[in-house]
Protein backbone atom coordinates (compact mmCIF):
# COMPACT_ATOMS: atom_id res chain seq x y z
CA UNK A 1 276.86 152.68 117.64
CA UNK A 2 274.46 149.81 117.25
CA UNK A 3 271.53 152.13 117.94
CA UNK A 4 272.79 154.58 115.31
CA UNK A 5 272.92 151.80 112.73
CA UNK A 6 269.45 150.62 113.65
CA UNK A 7 268.20 154.18 113.40
CA UNK A 8 269.54 154.57 109.85
CA UNK A 9 268.15 151.17 108.85
CA UNK A 10 264.67 151.72 110.29
CA UNK A 11 264.47 155.34 109.24
CA UNK A 12 266.24 155.15 105.93
CA UNK A 13 263.50 157.22 104.41
CA UNK A 14 264.47 160.13 106.67
CA UNK A 15 268.08 159.99 105.51
CA UNK A 16 267.00 159.82 101.89
CA UNK A 17 264.58 162.68 102.42
CA UNK A 18 267.16 164.91 104.03
CA UNK A 19 269.73 164.15 101.29
CA UNK A 20 267.17 164.94 98.61
CA UNK A 21 266.08 168.11 100.27
CA UNK A 22 269.71 169.18 100.64
CA UNK A 23 270.42 168.51 96.97
CA UNK A 24 267.33 170.41 95.83
CA UNK A 25 268.23 173.30 98.14
CA UNK A 26 271.74 173.30 96.62
CA UNK A 27 270.35 173.53 93.12
CA UNK A 28 268.05 176.37 94.18
CA UNK A 29 270.99 178.24 95.74
CA UNK A 30 273.05 177.72 92.56
CA UNK A 31 270.29 179.41 90.56
CA UNK A 32 270.40 182.40 92.92
CA UNK A 33 274.17 182.70 92.57
CA UNK A 34 275.80 184.74 89.82
CA UNK A 35 275.99 182.84 86.53
CA UNK A 36 279.33 181.97 84.94
CA UNK A 37 279.91 181.79 81.17
CA UNK A 38 282.81 180.27 79.22
CA UNK A 39 283.88 181.65 75.86
CA UNK A 40 286.19 179.56 73.69
CA UNK A 41 288.13 180.96 70.74
CA UNK A 42 290.13 178.80 68.28
CA UNK A 43 293.46 179.70 66.65
CA UNK A 44 294.20 177.32 63.78
CA UNK A 45 297.84 176.42 63.07
CA UNK A 46 299.86 174.05 60.96
CA UNK A 47 303.48 173.06 60.28
CA UNK A 48 305.13 173.69 56.92
CA UNK A 49 306.86 170.34 56.49
CA UNK A 50 308.45 171.57 53.27
CA UNK A 51 310.60 173.73 55.51
CA UNK A 52 311.27 171.23 58.27
CA UNK A 53 311.25 167.89 56.52
CA UNK A 54 309.75 164.87 58.24
CA UNK A 55 309.01 165.38 61.92
CA UNK A 56 307.90 163.01 64.67
CA UNK A 57 304.68 163.59 66.56
CA UNK A 58 306.77 164.61 69.56
CA UNK A 59 308.59 167.27 67.51
CA UNK A 60 305.28 168.70 66.26
CA UNK A 61 303.87 168.67 69.79
CA UNK A 62 306.89 170.62 71.06
CA UNK A 63 306.42 173.22 68.31
CA UNK A 64 302.78 173.69 69.24
CA UNK A 65 303.60 173.74 72.95
CA UNK A 66 305.75 176.82 72.29
CA UNK A 67 302.61 178.54 70.95
CA UNK A 68 300.73 177.59 74.10
CA UNK A 69 303.47 179.18 76.20
CA UNK A 70 303.15 182.36 74.16
CA UNK A 71 299.36 182.46 74.70
CA UNK A 72 299.85 182.63 78.48
CA UNK A 73 303.02 184.70 78.40
CA UNK A 74 303.38 188.06 80.14
CA UNK A 75 303.60 189.75 76.71
CA UNK A 76 300.13 188.56 75.74
CA UNK A 77 298.46 188.78 79.13
CA UNK A 78 299.78 192.29 79.78
CA UNK A 79 298.17 193.40 76.52
CA UNK A 80 294.87 191.77 77.38
CA UNK A 81 294.96 193.13 80.92
CA UNK A 82 295.38 196.68 79.71
CA UNK A 83 292.10 196.37 77.83
CA UNK A 84 290.07 194.32 80.31
CA UNK A 85 291.14 195.96 83.52
CA UNK A 86 292.12 192.61 85.01
CA UNK A 87 295.53 191.96 86.41
CA UNK A 88 297.52 189.38 84.37
CA UNK A 89 297.43 186.88 87.25
CA UNK A 90 293.68 187.37 87.67
CA UNK A 91 293.10 186.80 83.93
CA UNK A 92 295.30 183.72 83.98
CA UNK A 93 293.21 182.25 86.83
CA UNK A 94 290.05 182.36 84.72
CA UNK A 95 291.66 181.30 81.43
CA UNK A 96 292.80 177.98 80.06
CA UNK A 97 294.47 176.67 76.85
CA UNK A 98 293.86 173.36 75.12
CA UNK A 99 295.74 172.28 72.00
CA UNK A 100 295.68 169.69 69.25
CA UNK A 101 297.92 169.24 66.23
CA UNK A 102 296.01 171.83 64.26
CA UNK A 103 294.62 174.39 66.71
CA UNK A 104 294.71 176.03 70.06
CA UNK A 105 291.50 176.60 72.02
CA UNK A 106 291.62 179.68 74.24
CA UNK A 107 288.88 179.58 76.90
CA UNK A 108 288.07 182.31 79.41
CA UNK A 109 285.25 182.82 81.95
CA UNK A 110 283.02 185.84 82.50
CA UNK A 111 280.00 186.82 84.57
CA UNK A 112 277.98 187.46 81.41
CA UNK A 113 277.94 186.31 77.81
CA UNK A 114 279.20 189.70 76.61
CA UNK A 115 281.98 189.85 79.16
CA UNK A 116 283.20 186.32 78.32
CA UNK A 117 282.98 187.05 74.57
CA UNK A 118 284.97 190.32 74.82
CA UNK A 119 287.69 188.67 76.92
CA UNK A 120 287.99 185.79 74.45
CA UNK A 121 288.17 188.20 71.49
CA UNK A 122 290.88 190.30 73.09
CA UNK A 123 292.87 187.22 74.13
CA UNK A 124 292.67 185.75 70.63
CA UNK A 125 293.60 189.02 69.04
CA UNK A 126 296.63 189.53 71.28
CA UNK A 127 297.79 185.93 70.94
CA UNK A 128 297.49 185.98 67.18
CA UNK A 129 299.46 189.25 66.88
CA UNK A 130 302.26 188.11 69.23
CA UNK A 131 302.56 184.72 67.50
CA UNK A 132 302.88 186.45 64.12
CA UNK A 133 305.66 188.62 65.53
CA UNK A 134 307.41 185.53 66.97
CA UNK A 135 307.36 183.80 63.62
CA UNK A 136 308.86 186.92 61.97
CA UNK A 137 311.61 186.94 64.55
CA UNK A 138 312.22 183.21 63.92
CA UNK A 139 312.54 183.88 60.19
CA UNK A 140 315.02 186.68 60.86
CA UNK A 141 316.97 184.33 63.13
CA UNK A 142 317.07 181.76 60.29
CA UNK A 143 318.34 184.39 57.90
CA UNK A 144 321.05 185.56 60.33
CA UNK A 145 322.15 181.94 60.94
CA UNK A 146 322.31 181.29 57.18
CA UNK A 147 324.40 184.40 56.59
CA UNK A 148 326.63 183.40 59.54
CA UNK A 149 327.13 179.92 58.06
CA UNK A 150 328.16 181.51 54.76
CA UNK A 151 330.67 183.83 56.45
CA UNK A 152 332.11 180.97 58.43
CA UNK A 153 332.60 178.88 55.28
CA UNK A 154 334.18 181.89 53.67
CA UNK A 155 336.62 182.18 56.56
CA UNK A 156 337.47 178.50 56.42
CA UNK A 157 338.13 178.74 52.66
CA UNK A 158 340.34 181.79 53.28
CA UNK A 159 342.31 179.92 55.94
CA UNK A 160 342.82 177.02 53.61
CA UNK A 161 343.70 179.24 50.65
CA UNK A 162 344.89 182.74 51.71
CA UNK A 163 345.02 183.95 48.10
CA UNK A 164 341.30 183.07 47.57
CA UNK A 165 339.18 185.90 46.22
CA UNK A 166 335.84 184.23 47.14
CA UNK A 167 335.69 186.09 50.44
CA UNK A 168 335.17 189.81 50.58
CA UNK A 169 336.26 190.05 54.18
CA UNK A 170 339.35 188.93 55.99
CA UNK A 171 341.13 189.30 59.24
CA UNK A 172 339.57 191.55 61.85
CA UNK A 173 336.72 192.55 59.52
CA UNK A 174 335.74 188.90 59.08
CA UNK A 175 335.85 188.33 62.87
CA UNK A 176 333.64 191.37 63.44
CA UNK A 177 331.08 190.21 60.88
CA UNK A 178 330.95 186.72 62.46
CA UNK A 179 330.47 188.33 65.87
CA UNK A 180 327.74 190.65 64.60
CA UNK A 181 325.77 187.86 62.90
CA UNK A 182 326.10 185.63 65.91
CA UNK A 183 324.67 188.30 68.18
CA UNK A 184 321.89 189.10 65.66
CA UNK A 185 320.91 185.44 65.39
CA UNK A 186 320.88 185.11 69.20
CA UNK A 187 318.74 188.28 69.61
CA UNK A 188 316.14 187.13 67.10
CA UNK A 189 316.12 183.66 68.58
CA UNK A 190 315.33 185.16 71.98
CA UNK A 191 312.59 187.30 70.50
CA UNK A 192 311.02 184.29 68.84
CA UNK A 193 310.54 182.60 72.27
CA UNK A 194 311.07 179.21 70.77
CA UNK A 195 308.34 179.54 68.14
CA UNK A 196 309.40 177.87 64.87
CA UNK A 197 309.63 179.74 61.61
CA UNK A 198 307.86 176.70 60.04
CA UNK A 199 304.58 177.41 61.88
CA UNK A 200 301.68 178.80 59.92
CA UNK A 201 298.64 180.43 61.50
CA UNK A 202 295.15 180.87 60.15
CA UNK A 203 293.13 184.06 60.33
CA UNK A 204 291.70 184.48 63.87
CA UNK A 205 288.04 183.28 63.79
CA UNK A 206 286.33 185.90 65.91
CA UNK A 207 282.93 184.96 64.58
CA UNK A 208 283.41 181.33 65.59
CA UNK A 209 283.81 182.02 69.30
CA UNK A 210 281.53 179.74 71.29
CA UNK A 211 279.85 180.74 74.55
CA UNK A 212 278.16 178.43 77.06
CA UNK A 213 276.89 178.73 80.58
CA UNK A 214 278.83 176.58 82.99
CA UNK A 215 276.63 174.09 84.82
CA UNK A 216 279.36 172.56 86.94
CA UNK A 217 278.63 175.07 89.74
CA UNK A 218 275.03 173.71 89.97
CA UNK A 219 276.35 170.15 90.40
CA UNK A 220 278.78 171.31 93.10
CA UNK A 221 275.97 173.10 94.98
CA UNK A 222 273.74 170.01 94.69
CA UNK A 223 276.49 167.70 95.95
CA UNK A 224 277.27 170.00 98.91
CA UNK A 225 273.54 170.16 99.74
CA UNK A 226 273.25 166.38 99.63
CA UNK A 227 276.26 166.00 101.87
CA UNK A 228 274.79 168.47 104.36
CA UNK A 229 271.55 166.47 104.20
CA UNK A 230 273.45 163.31 105.12
CA UNK A 231 275.21 165.13 107.92
CA UNK A 232 271.82 166.37 109.20
CA UNK A 233 270.53 162.79 109.16
CA UNK A 234 273.56 161.67 111.20
CA UNK A 235 273.03 164.52 113.62
CA UNK A 236 269.38 163.52 114.08
CA UNK A 237 270.40 159.93 114.75
CA UNK A 238 273.03 161.02 117.22
CA UNK A 239 270.59 163.28 119.10
CA UNK A 240 268.06 160.44 119.19
CA UNK A 241 270.66 158.09 120.65
CA UNK A 242 271.50 160.61 123.35
CA UNK A 243 267.81 161.02 124.23
CA UNK A 244 267.33 157.23 124.43
CA UNK A 245 270.42 156.82 126.62
CA UNK A 246 269.23 159.53 128.99
CA UNK A 247 265.85 157.76 129.27
CA UNK A 248 267.51 154.47 129.97
CA UNK A 249 269.63 156.04 132.68
CA UNK A 250 266.53 157.59 134.29
CA UNK A 251 264.67 154.30 134.11
CA UNK A 252 267.59 152.44 135.67
CA UNK A 253 267.82 154.99 138.45
């Protein structure tokens, strides 16, 4: 062990050289590998506070999180996959979503600028269409719940004053209407997938999609090459120590 340490100290330049050569070789190999591009599309969104009243930041974040869930849902990914030829799981593996309080950033990778751009366009298009449908379902759920509340009040008034003429329905007919509206509200709530009717979405900005080549792979190759260089230096030191030990044994004999 002492000899190995002395070897590294006295021949530090060899270790540095091998690490540098390994890093440069890694960069060279990364240039030979297939390039990877990342396309990022933005979907703007906002909350209609006139419909919700004051909300905490946590409430707003939960509303936007529901949109993120939709963007990576089977409904959206199946539509994208049908047009890209990728399986939903394969597309999900190369895609990511980031969100703020006023937008979602949909990012997806591709082997060329065109491929990444087309994938981002299709994803943004599908996400925007599905979100719009979810908001419509949420609005219909609100309408059904409002109608249900009115019918329930009507039934309560009728129970308190049987002779009241303020309710057009009574008895079994009233019960059936309450049951129908309850089921309708539940169905629309399920279709909305938790997306609030107070959310508003901007027009998809297809022209604003940004594309960049990922350089992280080059850094990874360079790091791996440098590590291999360090391993090579350690191997040289170890071999040198074995040779020295063998010489010492021969001399002693």
